[in-house]
Amino acid sequence: MSEHAVIVRFDYGSTDLEPLFGLEEELEEAIAAADAGEYDGNEVAVSGRDGVLYMYGPDADALFSAVKPILASTACIRNVVATLRYGPPADDIRRVEVRVAP
Protein backbone atom coordinates (compact mmCIF):
# COMPACT_ATOMS: atom_id res chain seq x y z
CA MET A 1 0.00 0.00 0.00
CA SER A 2 1.41 3.39 -0.95
CA GLU A 3 1.50 6.06 1.69
CA HIS A 4 -0.09 9.29 0.57
CA ALA A 5 0.45 12.53 2.45
CA VAL A 6 -1.02 15.95 3.08
CA ILE A 7 1.69 18.41 4.07
CA VAL A 8 0.44 21.82 5.13
CA ARG A 9 2.64 24.93 5.17
CA PHE A 10 1.38 28.03 6.97
CA ASP A 11 2.26 31.36 8.56
CA TYR A 12 1.87 31.36 12.33
CA GLY A 13 3.31 34.52 13.88
CA SER A 14 3.54 33.57 17.55
CA THR A 15 5.73 31.64 19.96
CA ASP A 16 2.60 30.63 21.92
CA LEU A 17 1.90 27.14 20.60
CA GLU A 18 -1.29 26.48 22.60
CA PRO A 19 -3.59 27.52 19.71
CA LEU A 20 -1.64 25.24 17.38
CA PHE A 21 -1.97 22.35 19.82
CA GLY A 22 -5.74 22.91 19.82
CA LEU A 23 -5.75 22.83 16.03
CA GLU A 24 -3.79 19.58 16.08
CA GLU A 25 -6.40 17.98 18.34
CA GLU A 26 -9.16 19.00 15.92
CA LEU A 27 -7.21 17.57 12.98
CA GLU A 28 -6.58 14.29 14.81
CA GLU A 29 -10.27 13.94 15.65
CA ALA A 30 -11.40 14.71 12.07
CA ILE A 31 -8.91 12.27 10.56
CA ALA A 32 -9.94 9.53 12.99
CA ALA A 33 -13.66 10.17 12.40
CA ALA A 34 -13.14 9.88 8.63
CA ASP A 35 -10.83 6.85 9.08
CA ALA A 36 -8.54 8.67 6.64
CA GLY A 37 -5.10 8.08 8.16
CA GLU A 38 -3.11 9.76 10.90
CA TYR A 39 -1.82 13.14 12.01
CA ASP A 40 1.95 12.88 12.43
CA GLY A 41 2.99 16.21 13.96
CA ASN A 42 4.38 19.63 13.18
CA GLU A 43 7.49 21.68 12.68
CA VAL A 44 7.33 25.31 13.78
CA ALA A 45 10.13 27.85 13.41
CA VAL A 46 11.72 28.84 16.72
CA SER A 47 10.59 32.41 16.01
CA GLY A 48 7.00 31.15 15.54
CA ARG A 49 6.92 32.75 12.10
CA ASP A 50 5.77 29.72 10.13
CA GLY A 51 5.33 25.98 10.27
CA VAL A 52 4.37 22.70 8.67
CA LEU A 53 1.80 20.02 9.59
CA TYR A 54 2.21 16.39 8.50
CA MET A 55 -0.61 13.90 7.83
CA TYR A 56 -0.44 10.47 6.20
CA GLY A 57 -2.93 7.91 4.92
CA PRO A 58 -3.90 5.63 2.04
CA ASP A 59 -5.75 8.35 0.06
CA ALA A 60 -4.52 11.97 -0.04
CA ASP A 61 -7.87 13.24 -1.34
CA ALA A 62 -9.85 11.61 1.50
CA LEU A 63 -7.34 12.88 4.05
CA PHE A 64 -7.51 16.43 2.69
CA SER A 65 -11.32 16.32 2.60
CA ALA A 66 -11.32 15.43 6.29
CA VAL A 67 -9.08 18.33 7.34
CA LYS A 68 -9.82 21.08 4.81
CA PRO A 69 -12.82 22.61 6.68
CA ILE A 70 -10.74 22.87 9.85
CA LEU A 71 -7.75 24.39 8.06
CA ALA A 72 -10.03 26.92 6.35
CA SER A 73 -11.81 28.00 9.51
CA THR A 74 -9.03 28.21 12.09
CA ALA A 75 -7.79 31.66 13.07
CA CYS A 76 -4.35 30.67 14.38
CA ILE A 77 -2.77 29.93 10.98
CA ARG A 78 -2.71 32.02 7.79
CA ASN A 79 -1.59 31.66 4.17
CA VAL A 80 -2.28 27.94 4.28
CA VAL A 81 -1.02 25.81 1.37
CA ALA A 82 -1.54 22.04 1.36
CA THR A 83 0.55 19.71 -0.76
CA LEU A 84 -1.23 16.46 -1.55
CA ARG A 85 1.27 13.71 -2.34
CA TYR A 86 -0.10 10.62 -4.08
CA GLY A 87 2.38 7.97 -2.97
CA PRO A 88 5.60 7.59 -1.00
CA PRO A 89 8.28 10.30 -1.08
CA ALA A 90 9.93 10.20 -4.52
CA ASP A 91 10.70 12.68 -7.27
CA ASP A 92 8.33 11.06 -9.75
CA ILE A 93 5.26 10.91 -7.45
CA ARG A 94 2.36 13.20 -8.38
CA ARG A 95 1.85 16.20 -6.11
CA VAL A 96 -0.84 18.86 -6.12
CA GLU A 97 -0.67 22.15 -4.20
CA VAL A 98 -3.92 23.66 -2.94
CA ARG A 99 -4.27 27.08 -1.32
CA VAL A 100 -6.75 26.84 1.56
CA ALA A 101 -8.81 30.01 1.75
CA PRO A 102 -10.80 31.05 4.82
C-alpha atoms as a PDB file:
ATOM      1  CA  MET A   1       0.000   0.000   0.000  1.00  0.00           C
ATOM      2  CA  SER A   2       1.410   3.389  -0.950  1.00  0.00           C
ATOM      3  CA  GLU A   3       1.503   6.060   1.689  1.00  0.00           C
ATOM      4  CA  HIS A   4      -0.090   9.286   0.571  1.00  0.00           C
ATOM      5  CA  ALA A   5       0.450  12.533   2.453  1.00  0.00           C
ATOM      6  CA  VAL A   6      -1.021  15.954   3.082  1.00  0.00           C
ATOM      7  CA  ILE A   7       1.695  18.406   4.067  1.00  0.00           C
ATOM      8  CA  VAL A   8       0.437  21.821   5.128  1.00  0.00           C
ATOM      9  CA  ARG A   9       2.635  24.933   5.171  1.00  0.00           C
ATOM     10  CA  PHE A  10       1.376  28.029   6.966  1.00  0.00           C
ATOM     11  CA  ASP A  11       2.255  31.361   8.558  1.00  0.00           C
ATOM     12  CA  TYR A  12       1.874  31.358  12.325  1.00  0.00           C
ATOM     13  CA  GLY A  13       3.305  34.522  13.879  1.00  0.00           C
ATOM     14  CA  SER A  14       3.537  33.570  17.552  1.00  0.00           C
ATOM     15  CA  THR A  15       5.729  31.643  19.961  1.00  0.00           C
ATOM     16  CA  ASP A  16       2.601  30.631  21.924  1.00  0.00           C
ATOM     17  CA  LEU A  17       1.898  27.144  20.604  1.00  0.00           C
ATOM     18  CA  GLU A  18      -1.293  26.483  22.603  1.00  0.00           C
ATOM     19  CA  PRO A  19      -3.594  27.522  19.707  1.00  0.00           C
ATOM     20  CA  LEU A  20      -1.635  25.244  17.381  1.00  0.00           C
ATOM     21  CA  PHE A  21      -1.972  22.346  19.825  1.00  0.00           C
ATOM     22  CA  GLY A  22      -5.739  22.910  19.825  1.00  0.00           C
ATOM     23  CA  LEU A  23      -5.747  22.832  16.027  1.00  0.00           C
ATOM     24  CA  GLU A  24      -3.789  19.578  16.080  1.00  0.00           C
ATOM     25  CA  GLU A  25      -6.401  17.977  18.342  1.00  0.00           C
ATOM     26  CA  GLU A  26      -9.156  18.996  15.922  1.00  0.00           C
ATOM     27  CA  LEU A  27      -7.205  17.574  12.982  1.00  0.00           C
ATOM     28  CA  GLU A  28      -6.577  14.292  14.810  1.00  0.00           C
ATOM     29  CA  GLU A  29     -10.275  13.942  15.645  1.00  0.00           C
ATOM     30  CA  ALA A  30     -11.396  14.710  12.068  1.00  0.00           C
ATOM     31  CA  ILE A  31      -8.905  12.267  10.555  1.00  0.00           C
ATOM     32  CA  ALA A  32      -9.941   9.530  12.993  1.00  0.00           C
ATOM     33  CA  ALA A  33     -13.660  10.169  12.402  1.00  0.00           C
ATOM     34  CA  ALA A  34     -13.137   9.879   8.631  1.00  0.00           C
ATOM     35  CA  ASP A  35     -10.830   6.851   9.077  1.00  0.00           C
ATOM     36  CA  ALA A  36      -8.538   8.672   6.638  1.00  0.00           C
ATOM     37  CA  GLY A  37      -5.104   8.079   8.155  1.00  0.00           C
ATOM     38  CA  GLU A  38      -3.109   9.760  10.897  1.00  0.00           C
ATOM     39  CA  TYR A  39      -1.824  13.142  12.009  1.00  0.00           C
ATOM     40  CA  ASP A  40       1.951  12.883  12.427  1.00  0.00           C
ATOM     41  CA  GLY A  41       2.991  16.209  13.957  1.00  0.00           C
ATOM     42  CA  ASN A  42       4.383  19.631  13.184  1.00  0.00           C
ATOM     43  CA  GLU A  43       7.494  21.677  12.682  1.00  0.00           C
ATOM     44  CA  VAL A  44       7.333  25.314  13.776  1.00  0.00           C
ATOM     45  CA  ALA A  45      10.128  27.853  13.413  1.00  0.00           C
ATOM     46  CA  VAL A  46      11.720  28.836  16.723  1.00  0.00           C
ATOM     47  CA  SER A  47      10.587  32.406  16.009  1.00  0.00           C
ATOM     48  CA  GLY A  48       7.003  31.154  15.543  1.00  0.00           C
ATOM     49  CA  ARG A  49       6.924  32.755  12.099  1.00  0.00           C
ATOM     50  CA  ASP A  50       5.768  29.723  10.129  1.00  0.00           C
ATOM     51  CA  GLY A  51       5.327  25.984  10.265  1.00  0.00           C
ATOM     52  CA  VAL A  52       4.366  22.702   8.668  1.00  0.00           C
ATOM     53  CA  LEU A  53       1.801  20.022   9.592  1.00  0.00           C
ATOM     54  CA  TYR A  54       2.208  16.386   8.495  1.00  0.00           C
ATOM     55  CA  MET A  55      -0.607  13.902   7.828  1.00  0.00           C
ATOM     56  CA  TYR A  56      -0.443  10.469   6.196  1.00  0.00           C
ATOM     57  CA  GLY A  57      -2.932   7.905   4.921  1.00  0.00           C
ATOM     58  CA  PRO A  58      -3.899   5.633   2.041  1.00  0.00           C
ATOM     59  CA  ASP A  59      -5.753   8.348   0.063  1.00  0.00           C
ATOM     60  CA  ALA A  60      -4.520  11.970  -0.039  1.00  0.00           C
ATOM     61  CA  ASP A  61      -7.868  13.237  -1.339  1.00  0.00           C
ATOM     62  CA  ALA A  62      -9.847  11.605   1.503  1.00  0.00           C
ATOM     63  CA  LEU A  63      -7.338  12.881   4.046  1.00  0.00           C
ATOM     64  CA  PHE A  64      -7.509  16.429   2.693  1.00  0.00           C
ATOM     65  CA  SER A  65     -11.319  16.318   2.601  1.00  0.00           C
ATOM     66  CA  ALA A  66     -11.319  15.434   6.294  1.00  0.00           C
ATOM     67  CA  VAL A  67      -9.080  18.331   7.342  1.00  0.00           C
ATOM     68  CA  LYS A  68      -9.820  21.084   4.812  1.00  0.00           C
ATOM     69  CA  PRO A  69     -12.817  22.611   6.679  1.00  0.00           C
ATOM     70  CA  ILE A  70     -10.736  22.868   9.854  1.00  0.00           C
ATOM     71  CA  LEU A  71      -7.752  24.394   8.063  1.00  0.00           C
ATOM     72  CA  ALA A  72     -10.025  26.922   6.345  1.00  0.00           C
ATOM     73  CA  SER A  73     -11.812  27.995   9.512  1.00  0.00           C
ATOM     74  CA  THR A  74      -9.029  28.214  12.092  1.00  0.00           C
ATOM     75  CA  ALA A  75      -7.791  31.662  13.069  1.00  0.00           C
ATOM     76  CA  CYS A  76      -4.351  30.666  14.380  1.00  0.00           C
ATOM     77  CA  ILE A  77      -2.772  29.935  10.984  1.00  0.00           C
ATOM     78  CA  ARG A  78      -2.706  32.023   7.790  1.00  0.00           C
ATOM     79  CA  ASN A  79      -1.586  31.657   4.168  1.00  0.00           C
ATOM     80  CA  VAL A  80      -2.279  27.943   4.280  1.00  0.00           C
ATOM     81  CA  VAL A  81      -1.018  25.815   1.372  1.00  0.00           C
ATOM     82  CA  ALA A  82      -1.543  22.042   1.359  1.00  0.00           C
ATOM     83  CA  THR A  83       0.553  19.710  -0.763  1.00  0.00           C
ATOM     84  CA  LEU A  84      -1.229  16.455  -1.552  1.00  0.00           C
ATOM     85  CA  ARG A  85       1.271  13.711  -2.343  1.00  0.00           C
ATOM     86  CA  TYR A  86      -0.100  10.618  -4.077  1.00  0.00           C
ATOM     87  CA  GLY A  87       2.379   7.970  -2.970  1.00  0.00           C
ATOM     88  CA  PRO A  88       5.601   7.594  -1.003  1.00  0.00           C
ATOM     89  CA  PRO A  89       8.279  10.302  -1.084  1.00  0.00           C
ATOM     90  CA  ALA A  90       9.931  10.201  -4.516  1.00  0.00           C
ATOM     91  CA  ASP A  91      10.704  12.679  -7.269  1.00  0.00           C
ATOM     92  CA  ASP A  92       8.328  11.065  -9.749  1.00  0.00           C
ATOM     93  CA  ILE A  93       5.264  10.913  -7.449  1.00  0.00           C
ATOM     94  CA  ARG A  94       2.359  13.198  -8.377  1.00  0.00           C
ATOM     95  CA  ARG A  95       1.854  16.198  -6.114  1.00  0.00           C
ATOM     96  CA  VAL A  96      -0.838  18.856  -6.117  1.00  0.00           C
ATOM     97  CA  GLU A  97      -0.675  22.150  -4.202  1.00  0.00           C
ATOM     98  CA  VAL A  98      -3.919  23.662  -2.936  1.00  0.00           C
ATOM     99  CA  ARG A  99      -4.273  27.080  -1.319  1.00  0.00           C
ATOM    100  CA  VAL A 100      -6.754  26.837   1.564  1.00  0.00           C
ATOM    101  CA  ALA A 101      -8.811  30.015   1.747  1.00  0.00           C
ATOM    102  CA  PRO A 102     -10.797  31.049   4.821  1.00  0.00           C
END
